[in-house]
Amino acid sequence: MNDLVSIIMPSYNTAKYIAKTIESVLAQTHKNWELIIVDDCSTDGTDEVVKKYLSDKRIEYLKNSHNSGAAVSRNRALREAKGKWIAFLDSDDLWMPEKLEKQIDFMEKNDYHFSYTNYEEIDEESVSNGRFITGPKHITKQGMYNYCWPGCLTVMFDKEFVGLIQIADIKKNNDYAMWLKVCKKTNCYLLDKTLAKYRKRSGSISNHGYSELIKWHYRLYRDAEKQNVFMSLFNTGRNLVFGFYKKKRYIKNG
């Protein structure tokens, strides 16, 4: 079972999308996986959609007792995970069929414990908007503090090496909080292939104004990383600077 992948999937009101997301997991060429879905009190019929797939014993469906946020849902799924490899897929995003197979092969051949891939952006109707996102080939702890380079849907890490990760209960940037913890134990490496599709919806973080982004970044460093006010402000500032750099260097249109 040393190639078992535990797929972490928080869900909340994604009945419109989650079937295609689950099917992109079922289509994986690497078959040794478990999908742990933690639903955060959805009210839109997500339960009915997911129940159709529960005959596959690799899929586990858990429900929070009250609406708690993605950080709590991810923490719960991570505690349940049995696999060597931990991967993340939000309930409205998609994977290419060879995603797990190619990423595990990349990590095993190079003795890497933490990696990510490129991804493509799609809209709410699953149509590509022509944007492809990549990142640095090698991210150190310092580099991860510069910016959240990996897309959550592309990340994989070796749980046997990294250990159990649990993050602070912050409402936004909780995936970034996780990468900061993992990067304190091992560097992150880019598999330079487009193996996932990120659904950019109208309510996504990237659609909010800079004042909101600044607030969420500050809370990440202050509350999750327990940094003092000066360091929290410093890291928030450099994060904004590297955000502009990412748009110029690592986002390709067309």
C-alpha atoms as a PDB file:
ATOM      1  CA  MET A   1       0.000   0.000   0.000  1.00  0.00           C
ATOM      2  CA  ASN A   2       3.022   2.323  -0.158  1.00  0.00           C
ATOM      3  CA  ASP A   3       1.625   4.019  -3.273  1.00  0.00           C
ATOM      4  CA  LEU A   4      -1.806   4.761  -1.767  1.00  0.00           C
ATOM      5  CA  VAL A   5      -2.864   8.361  -2.416  1.00  0.00           C
ATOM      6  CA  SER A   6      -5.205  10.070   0.040  1.00  0.00           C
ATOM      7  CA  ILE A   7      -7.144  12.767  -1.792  1.00  0.00           C
ATOM      8  CA  ILE A   8      -8.355  15.598   0.440  1.00  0.00           C
ATOM      9  CA  MET A   9     -11.598  17.218  -0.761  1.00  0.00           C
ATOM     10  CA  PRO A  10     -13.534  19.770   1.297  1.00  0.00           C
ATOM     11  CA  SER A  11     -16.977  20.537  -0.122  1.00  0.00           C
ATOM     12  CA  TYR A  12     -19.577  23.207   0.391  1.00  0.00           C
ATOM     13  CA  ASN A  13     -22.503  23.844  -1.953  1.00  0.00           C
ATOM     14  CA  THR A  14     -20.843  22.495  -5.092  1.00  0.00           C
ATOM     15  CA  ALA A  15     -23.643  20.186  -6.269  1.00  0.00           C
ATOM     16  CA  LYS A  16     -23.329  21.746  -9.735  1.00  0.00           C
ATOM     17  CA  TYR A  17     -19.671  20.694 -10.058  1.00  0.00           C
ATOM     18  CA  ILE A  18     -18.749  17.876  -7.696  1.00  0.00           C
ATOM     19  CA  ALA A  19     -19.890  15.020  -9.964  1.00  0.00           C
ATOM     20  CA  LYS A  20     -17.376  15.998 -12.652  1.00  0.00           C
ATOM     21  CA  THR A  21     -14.723  16.456  -9.981  1.00  0.00           C
ATOM     22  CA  ILE A  22     -15.287  12.947  -8.587  1.00  0.00           C
ATOM     23  CA  GLU A  23     -15.326  11.518 -12.113  1.00  0.00           C
ATOM     24  CA  SER A  24     -11.930  13.095 -12.783  1.00  0.00           C
ATOM     25  CA  VAL A  25     -10.655  11.092  -9.781  1.00  0.00           C
ATOM     26  CA  LEU A  26     -12.336   7.896 -10.973  1.00  0.00           C
ATOM     27  CA  ALA A  27     -10.629   8.382 -14.362  1.00  0.00           C
ATOM     28  CA  GLN A  28      -7.117   8.392 -12.862  1.00  0.00           C
ATOM     29  CA  THR A  29      -4.670   5.929 -14.411  1.00  0.00           C
ATOM     30  CA  HIS A  30      -3.252   5.426 -10.912  1.00  0.00           C
ATOM     31  CA  LYS A  31      -5.995   3.394  -9.230  1.00  0.00           C
ATOM     32  CA  ASN A  32      -4.692   3.038  -5.678  1.00  0.00           C
ATOM     33  CA  TRP A  33      -6.333   6.022  -4.019  1.00  0.00           C
ATOM     34  CA  GLU A  34      -8.851   6.965  -1.374  1.00  0.00           C
ATOM     35  CA  LEU A  35     -11.025  10.035  -1.761  1.00  0.00           C
ATOM     36  CA  ILE A  36     -11.969  11.684   1.536  1.00  0.00           C
ATOM     37  CA  ILE A  37     -14.768  14.213   1.035  1.00  0.00           C
ATOM     38  CA  VAL A  38     -15.642  16.368   4.042  1.00  0.00           C
ATOM     39  CA  ASP A  39     -18.860  18.290   3.492  1.00  0.00           C
ATOM     40  CA  ASP A  40     -19.331  21.514   5.442  1.00  0.00           C
ATOM     41  CA  CYS A  41     -23.133  21.452   5.827  1.00  0.00           C
ATOM     42  CA  SER A  42     -24.061  21.995   2.178  1.00  0.00           C
ATOM     43  CA  THR A  43     -27.646  23.076   1.501  1.00  0.00           C
ATOM     44  CA  ASP A  44     -27.783  22.695  -2.285  1.00  0.00           C
ATOM     45  CA  GLY A  45     -28.198  18.938  -2.781  1.00  0.00           C
ATOM     46  CA  THR A  46     -24.513  18.000  -2.662  1.00  0.00           C
ATOM     47  CA  ASP A  47     -25.445  14.943  -0.548  1.00  0.00           C
ATOM     48  CA  GLU A  48     -27.661  13.515  -3.281  1.00  0.00           C
ATOM     49  CA  VAL A  49     -24.974  13.958  -5.930  1.00  0.00           C
ATOM     50  CA  VAL A  50     -22.214  12.335  -3.857  1.00  0.00           C
ATOM     51  CA  LYS A  51     -24.362   9.386  -2.746  1.00  0.00           C
ATOM     52  CA  LYS A  52     -24.393   8.118  -6.337  1.00  0.00           C
ATOM     53  CA  TYR A  53     -20.654   7.441  -6.065  1.00  0.00           C
ATOM     54  CA  LEU A  54     -20.469   5.853  -2.624  1.00  0.00           C
ATOM     55  CA  SER A  55     -20.736   2.312  -3.997  1.00  0.00           C
ATOM     56  CA  ASP A  56     -17.021   2.756  -4.761  1.00  0.00           C
ATOM     57  CA  LYS A  57     -15.418   1.807  -1.447  1.00  0.00           C
ATOM     58  CA  ARG A  58     -12.452   4.077  -2.131  1.00  0.00           C
ATOM     59  CA  ILE A  59     -14.722   7.088  -1.543  1.00  0.00           C
ATOM     60  CA  GLU A  60     -15.447   8.208   2.027  1.00  0.00           C
ATOM     61  CA  TYR A  61     -18.041  10.900   2.692  1.00  0.00           C
ATOM     62  CA  LEU A  62     -17.900  12.745   6.007  1.00  0.00           C
ATOM     63  CA  LYS A  63     -20.098  15.608   7.195  1.00  0.00           C
ATOM     64  CA  ASN A  64     -19.271  18.343   9.665  1.00  0.00           C
ATOM     65  CA  SER A  65     -21.801  18.806  12.471  1.00  0.00           C
ATOM     66  CA  HIS A  66     -21.869  22.548  11.808  1.00  0.00           C
ATOM     67  CA  ASN A  67     -20.492  24.892   9.160  1.00  0.00           C
ATOM     68  CA  SER A  68     -16.812  25.235  10.068  1.00  0.00           C
ATOM     69  CA  GLY A  69     -14.829  26.348   7.013  1.00  0.00           C
ATOM     70  CA  ALA A  70     -12.305  24.712   4.684  1.00  0.00           C
ATOM     71  CA  ALA A  71      -9.454  24.653   7.226  1.00  0.00           C
ATOM     72  CA  VAL A  72     -11.432  22.480   9.650  1.00  0.00           C
ATOM     73  CA  SER A  73     -12.610  20.238   6.808  1.00  0.00           C
ATOM     74  CA  ARG A  74      -9.078  19.738   5.458  1.00  0.00           C
ATOM     75  CA  ASN A  75      -7.719  19.040   8.944  1.00  0.00           C
ATOM     76  CA  ARG A  76     -10.385  16.381   9.496  1.00  0.00           C
ATOM     77  CA  ALA A  77      -9.649  14.693   6.168  1.00  0.00           C
ATOM     78  CA  LEU A  78      -5.903  14.737   6.879  1.00  0.00           C
ATOM     79  CA  ARG A  79      -6.475  12.973  10.198  1.00  0.00           C
ATOM     80  CA  GLU A  80      -8.436  10.266   8.373  1.00  0.00           C
ATOM     81  CA  ALA A  81      -5.885   9.811   5.594  1.00  0.00           C
ATOM     82  CA  LYS A  82      -4.149   6.428   5.367  1.00  0.00           C
ATOM     83  CA  GLY A  83      -2.002   6.980   2.286  1.00  0.00           C
ATOM     84  CA  LYS A  84       1.704   7.624   1.870  1.00  0.00           C
ATOM     85  CA  TRP A  85       0.881  10.389  -0.596  1.00  0.00           C
ATOM     86  CA  ILE A  86      -1.442  13.310   0.200  1.00  0.00           C
ATOM     87  CA  ALA A  87      -3.084  15.164  -2.682  1.00  0.00           C
ATOM     88  CA  PHE A  88      -5.640  17.973  -2.724  1.00  0.00           C
ATOM     89  CA  LEU A  89      -8.615  18.591  -4.979  1.00  0.00           C
ATOM     90  CA  ASP A  90     -11.350  21.099  -4.275  1.00  0.00           C
ATOM     91  CA  SER A  91     -14.872  19.955  -5.108  1.00  0.00           C
ATOM     92  CA  ASP A  92     -15.227  22.155  -8.202  1.00  0.00           C
ATOM     93  CA  ASP A  93     -11.816  21.550  -9.814  1.00  0.00           C
ATOM     94  CA  LEU A  94     -10.630  18.810 -12.202  1.00  0.00           C
ATOM     95  CA  TRP A  95      -7.616  16.583 -12.770  1.00  0.00           C
ATOM     96  CA  MET A  96      -6.219  15.172 -15.991  1.00  0.00           C
ATOM     97  CA  PRO A  97      -6.377  11.333 -16.005  1.00  0.00           C
ATOM     98  CA  GLU A  98      -2.599  10.861 -15.633  1.00  0.00           C
ATOM     99  CA  LYS A  99      -2.151  13.441 -12.865  1.00  0.00           C
ATOM    100  CA  LEU A 100      -1.487  11.068  -9.960  1.00  0.00           C
ATOM    101  CA  GLU A 101       0.572   8.599 -11.974  1.00  0.00           C
ATOM    102  CA  LYS A 102       2.916  11.226 -13.415  1.00  0.00           C
ATOM    103  CA  GLN A 103       3.324  13.100 -10.151  1.00  0.00           C
ATOM    104  CA  ILE A 104       4.158  10.007  -8.113  1.00  0.00           C
ATOM    105  CA  ASP A 105       6.645   8.907 -10.781  1.00  0.00           C
ATOM    106  CA  PHE A 106       8.254  12.372 -10.753  1.00  0.00           C
ATOM    107  CA  MET A 107       8.630  12.344  -6.978  1.00  0.00           C
ATOM    108  CA  GLU A 108       9.878   8.764  -6.674  1.00  0.00           C
ATOM    109  CA  LYS A 109      12.477   9.125  -9.448  1.00  0.00           C
ATOM    110  CA  ASN A 110      13.895  12.305  -7.918  1.00  0.00           C
ATOM    111  CA  ASP A 111      13.411  11.442  -4.237  1.00  0.00           C
ATOM    112  CA  TYR A 112      11.169  14.487  -3.729  1.00  0.00           C
ATOM    113  CA  HIS A 113       8.707  14.741  -0.853  1.00  0.00           C
ATOM    114  CA  PHE A 114       6.680  17.785  -1.932  1.00  0.00           C
ATOM    115  CA  SER A 115       5.655  18.810  -5.449  1.00  0.00           C
ATOM    116  CA  TYR A 116       3.148  20.679  -7.572  1.00  0.00           C
ATOM    117  CA  THR A 117       2.211  20.960 -11.248  1.00  0.00           C
ATOM    118  CA  ASN A 118       1.003  23.531 -13.740  1.00  0.00           C
ATOM    119  CA  TYR A 119      -2.723  24.091 -14.179  1.00  0.00           C
ATOM    120  CA  GLU A 120      -5.208  25.663 -16.561  1.00  0.00           C
ATOM    121  CA  GLU A 121      -8.039  28.017 -15.625  1.00  0.00           C
ATOM    122  CA  ILE A 122     -11.623  27.232 -16.651  1.00  0.00           C
ATOM    123  CA  ASP A 123     -14.838  29.156 -16.068  1.00  0.00           C
ATOM    124  CA  GLU A 124     -18.039  28.095 -14.344  1.00  0.00           C
ATOM    125  CA  GLU A 125     -19.137  26.258 -17.497  1.00  0.00           C
ATOM    126  CA  SER A 126     -15.835  24.314 -17.753  1.00  0.00           C
ATOM    127  CA  VAL A 127     -14.625  26.402 -20.719  1.00  0.00           C
ATOM    128  CA  SER A 128     -10.935  27.340 -20.751  1.00  0.00           C
ATOM    129  CA  ASN A 129     -10.194  31.042 -20.420  1.00  0.00           C
ATOM    130  CA  GLY A 130      -6.797  30.525 -22.022  1.00  0.00           C
ATOM    131  CA  ARG A 131      -4.746  31.119 -18.867  1.00  0.00           C
ATOM    132  CA  PHE A 132      -2.050  28.617 -17.879  1.00  0.00           C
ATOM    133  CA  ILE A 133      -0.295  28.973 -14.519  1.00  0.00           C
ATOM    134  CA  THR A 134       3.126  27.612 -13.628  1.00  0.00           C
ATOM    135  CA  GLY A 135       5.732  28.609 -11.024  1.00  0.00           C
ATOM    136  CA  PRO A 136       9.340  28.275  -9.862  1.00  0.00           C
ATOM    137  CA  LYS A 137      10.999  24.926 -10.468  1.00  0.00           C
ATOM    138  CA  HIS A 138      12.306  24.778  -6.891  1.00  0.00           C
ATOM    139  CA  ILE A 139      10.685  26.441  -3.860  1.00  0.00           C
ATOM    140  CA  THR A 140      12.556  26.674  -0.572  1.00  0.00           C
ATOM    141  CA  LYS A 141      11.050  27.691   2.768  1.00  0.00           C
ATOM    142  CA  GLN A 142      12.090  31.285   2.054  1.00  0.00           C
ATOM    143  CA  GLY A 143      10.618  31.088  -1.440  1.00  0.00           C
ATOM    144  CA  MET A 144       7.291  29.862  -0.095  1.00  0.00           C
ATOM    145  CA  TYR A 145       7.138  32.842   2.263  1.00  0.00           C
ATOM    146  CA  ASN A 146       7.608  35.073  -0.782  1.00  0.00           C
ATOM    147  CA  TYR A 147       4.385  33.832  -2.347  1.00  0.00           C
ATOM    148  CA  CYS A 148       1.920  30.937  -2.502  1.00  0.00           C
ATOM    149  CA  TRP A 149       3.210  29.531  -5.785  1.00  0.00           C
ATOM    150  CA  PRO A 150       1.429  26.124  -5.897  1.00  0.00           C
ATOM    151  CA  GLY A 151      -2.201  25.793  -6.885  1.00  0.00           C
ATOM    152  CA  CYS A 152      -3.938  23.718  -4.205  1.00  0.00           C
ATOM    153  CA  LEU A 153      -5.358  21.269  -6.759  1.00  0.00           C
ATOM    154  CA  THR A 154      -1.837  20.417  -7.967  1.00  0.00           C
ATOM    155  CA  VAL A 155      -0.020  19.735  -4.681  1.00  0.00           C
ATOM    156  CA  MET A 156       1.172  16.361  -3.435  1.00  0.00           C
ATOM    157  CA  PHE A 157       3.377  15.560  -0.446  1.00  0.00           C
ATOM    158  CA  ASP A 158       4.823  12.466   1.200  1.00  0.00           C
ATOM    159  CA  LYS A 159       3.014  11.996   4.513  1.00  0.00           C
ATOM    160  CA  GLU A 160       5.529   9.396   5.713  1.00  0.00           C
ATOM    161  CA  PHE A 161       8.264  12.040   5.463  1.00  0.00           C
ATOM    162  CA  VAL A 162       6.309  15.180   6.393  1.00  0.00           C
ATOM    163  CA  GLY A 163       4.018  13.731   9.064  1.00  0.00           C
ATOM    164  CA  LEU A 164       0.505  14.819   9.976  1.00  0.00           C
ATOM    165  CA  ILE A 165      -0.166  18.453   9.066  1.00  0.00           C
ATOM    166  CA  GLN A 166      -2.848  20.444  10.871  1.00  0.00           C
ATOM    167  CA  ILE A 167      -3.419  24.139  10.293  1.00  0.00           C
ATOM    168  CA  ALA A 168      -4.945  27.036  12.196  1.00  0.00           C
ATOM    169  CA  ASP A 169      -8.646  27.720  11.706  1.00  0.00           C
ATOM    170  CA  ILE A 170      -8.333  30.675   9.359  1.00  0.00           C
ATOM    171  CA  LYS A 171     -11.091  31.391   6.851  1.00  0.00           C
ATOM    172  CA  LYS A 172      -8.895  32.251   3.868  1.00  0.00           C
ATOM    173  CA  ASN A 173      -5.430  31.188   2.689  1.00  0.00           C
ATOM    174  CA  ASN A 174      -5.634  27.955   4.673  1.00  0.00           C
ATOM    175  CA  ASP A 175      -4.016  26.031   1.812  1.00  0.00           C
ATOM    176  CA  TYR A 176      -1.108  28.498   1.890  1.00  0.00           C
ATOM    177  CA  ALA A 177      -0.829  27.943   5.659  1.00  0.00           C
ATOM    178  CA  MET A 178      -0.403  24.245   4.908  1.00  0.00           C
ATOM    179  CA  TRP A 179       2.355  24.744   2.317  1.00  0.00           C
ATOM    180  CA  LEU A 180       4.258  26.959   4.766  1.00  0.00           C
ATOM    181  CA  LYS A 181       4.203  24.120   7.289  1.00  0.00           C
ATOM    182  CA  VAL A 182       5.282  21.489   4.756  1.00  0.00           C
ATOM    183  CA  CYS A 183       8.077  23.692   3.361  1.00  0.00           C
ATOM    184  CA  LYS A 184       9.631  23.891   6.825  1.00  0.00           C
ATOM    185  CA  LYS A 185      10.343  20.166   6.451  1.00  0.00           C
ATOM    186  CA  THR A 186      11.168  19.799   2.763  1.00  0.00           C
ATOM    187  CA  ASN A 187      11.515  21.853  -0.419  1.00  0.00           C
ATOM    188  CA  CYS A 188       8.851  21.881  -3.131  1.00  0.00           C
ATOM    189  CA  TYR A 189       9.490  21.021  -6.801  1.00  0.00           C
ATOM    190  CA  LEU A 190       7.583  21.739 -10.006  1.00  0.00           C
ATOM    191  CA  LEU A 191       6.486  18.979 -12.371  1.00  0.00           C
ATOM    192  CA  ASP A 192       6.332  21.152 -15.472  1.00  0.00           C
ATOM    193  CA  LYS A 193       3.179  19.635 -16.967  1.00  0.00           C
ATOM    194  CA  THR A 194      -0.401  20.915 -17.036  1.00  0.00           C
ATOM    195  CA  LEU A 195      -2.279  18.214 -15.127  1.00  0.00           C
ATOM    196  CA  ALA A 196      -5.213  20.060 -13.527  1.00  0.00           C
ATOM    197  CA  LYS A 197      -7.994  22.542 -14.254  1.00  0.00           C
ATOM    198  CA  TYR A 198      -8.878  25.255 -11.757  1.00  0.00           C
ATOM    199  CA  ARG A 199     -12.430  26.543 -11.909  1.00  0.00           C
ATOM    200  CA  LYS A 200     -12.383  30.305 -11.435  1.00  0.00           C
ATOM    201  CA  ARG A 201     -15.788  31.208 -10.027  1.00  0.00           C
ATOM    202  CA  SER A 202     -17.282  34.615  -9.361  1.00  0.00           C
ATOM    203  CA  GLY A 203     -16.663  34.351  -5.597  1.00  0.00           C
ATOM    204  CA  SER A 204     -13.023  33.253  -5.757  1.00  0.00           C
ATOM    205  CA  ILE A 205     -10.324  35.039  -3.742  1.00  0.00           C
ATOM    206  CA  SER A 206      -8.614  36.272  -6.902  1.00  0.00           C
ATOM    207  CA  ASN A 207     -11.698  38.327  -7.724  1.00  0.00           C
ATOM    208  CA  HIS A 208     -11.578  40.344  -4.486  1.00  0.00           C
ATOM    209  CA  GLY A 209      -9.951  43.748  -4.070  1.00  0.00           C
ATOM    210  CA  TYR A 210      -6.469  44.381  -2.729  1.00  0.00           C
ATOM    211  CA  SER A 211      -7.741  45.566   0.660  1.00  0.00           C
ATOM    212  CA  GLU A 212      -9.331  42.155   1.253  1.00  0.00           C
ATOM    213  CA  LEU A 213      -6.241  40.320   0.009  1.00  0.00           C
ATOM    214  CA  ILE A 214      -4.007  42.352   2.329  1.00  0.00           C
ATOM    215  CA  LYS A 215      -6.256  41.585   5.299  1.00  0.00           C
ATOM    216  CA  TRP A 216      -6.280  37.844   4.595  1.00  0.00           C
ATOM    217  CA  HIS A 217      -2.505  37.687   4.087  1.00  0.00           C
ATOM    218  CA  TYR A 218      -1.893  39.583   7.307  1.00  0.00           C
ATOM    219  CA  ARG A 219      -4.162  37.220   9.238  1.00  0.00           C
ATOM    220  CA  LEU A 220      -2.291  34.243   7.744  1.00  0.00           C
ATOM    221  CA  TYR A 221       1.058  35.396   9.128  1.00  0.00           C
ATOM    222  CA  ARG A 222      -0.326  36.812  12.384  1.00  0.00           C
ATOM    223  CA  ASP A 223      -2.786  34.057  13.331  1.00  0.00           C
ATOM    224  CA  ALA A 224      -1.563  30.904  11.573  1.00  0.00           C
ATOM    225  CA  GLU A 225       2.190  31.567  11.648  1.00  0.00           C
ATOM    226  CA  LYS A 226       2.082  33.376  15.024  1.00  0.00           C
ATOM    227  CA  GLN A 227       4.407  36.108  13.803  1.00  0.00           C
ATOM    228  CA  ASN A 228       4.700  39.497  15.453  1.00  0.00           C
ATOM    229  CA  VAL A 229       3.078  42.575  13.914  1.00  0.00           C
ATOM    230  CA  PHE A 230       6.254  43.756  12.153  1.00  0.00           C
ATOM    231  CA  MET A 231       7.000  40.384  10.514  1.00  0.00           C
ATOM    232  CA  SER A 232       3.334  39.911   9.570  1.00  0.00           C
ATOM    233  CA  LEU A 233       3.313  43.291   7.822  1.00  0.00           C
ATOM    234  CA  PHE A 234       6.691  42.621   6.180  1.00  0.00           C
ATOM    235  CA  ASN A 235       5.600  39.236   4.815  1.00  0.00           C
ATOM    236  CA  THR A 236       2.282  40.667   3.636  1.00  0.00           C
ATOM    237  CA  GLY A 237       4.147  43.368   1.723  1.00  0.00           C
ATOM    238  CA  ARG A 238       6.586  41.034   0.030  1.00  0.00           C
ATOM    239  CA  ASN A 239       3.718  38.679  -0.822  1.00  0.00           C
ATOM    240  CA  LEU A 240       2.020  41.477  -2.746  1.00  0.00           C
ATOM    241  CA  VAL A 241       5.260  42.301  -4.575  1.00  0.00           C
ATOM    242  CA  PHE A 242       5.804  38.687  -5.622  1.00  0.00           C
ATOM    243  CA  GLY A 243       2.143  38.476  -6.634  1.00  0.00           C
ATOM    244  CA  PHE A 244       2.825  41.087  -9.313  1.00  0.00           C
ATOM    245  CA  TYR A 245       5.955  39.169 -10.325  1.00  0.00           C
ATOM    246  CA  LYS A 246       3.942  35.957 -10.702  1.00  0.00           C
ATOM    247  CA  LYS A 247       1.496  37.650 -13.067  1.00  0.00           C
ATOM    248  CA  LYS A 248       4.365  38.762 -15.296  1.00  0.00           C
ATOM    249  CA  ARG A 249       6.522  35.630 -15.106  1.00  0.00           C
ATOM    250  CA  TYR A 250       4.317  32.595 -14.517  1.00  0.00           C
ATOM    251  CA  ILE A 251       0.869  33.262 -16.009  1.00  0.00           C
ATOM    252  CA  LYS A 252       0.609  32.661 -19.736  1.00  0.00           C
ATOM    253  CA  ASN A 253      -2.350  33.595 -21.901  1.00  0.00           C
ATOM    254  CA  GLY A 254      -3.350  31.763 -25.048  1.00  0.00           C
END
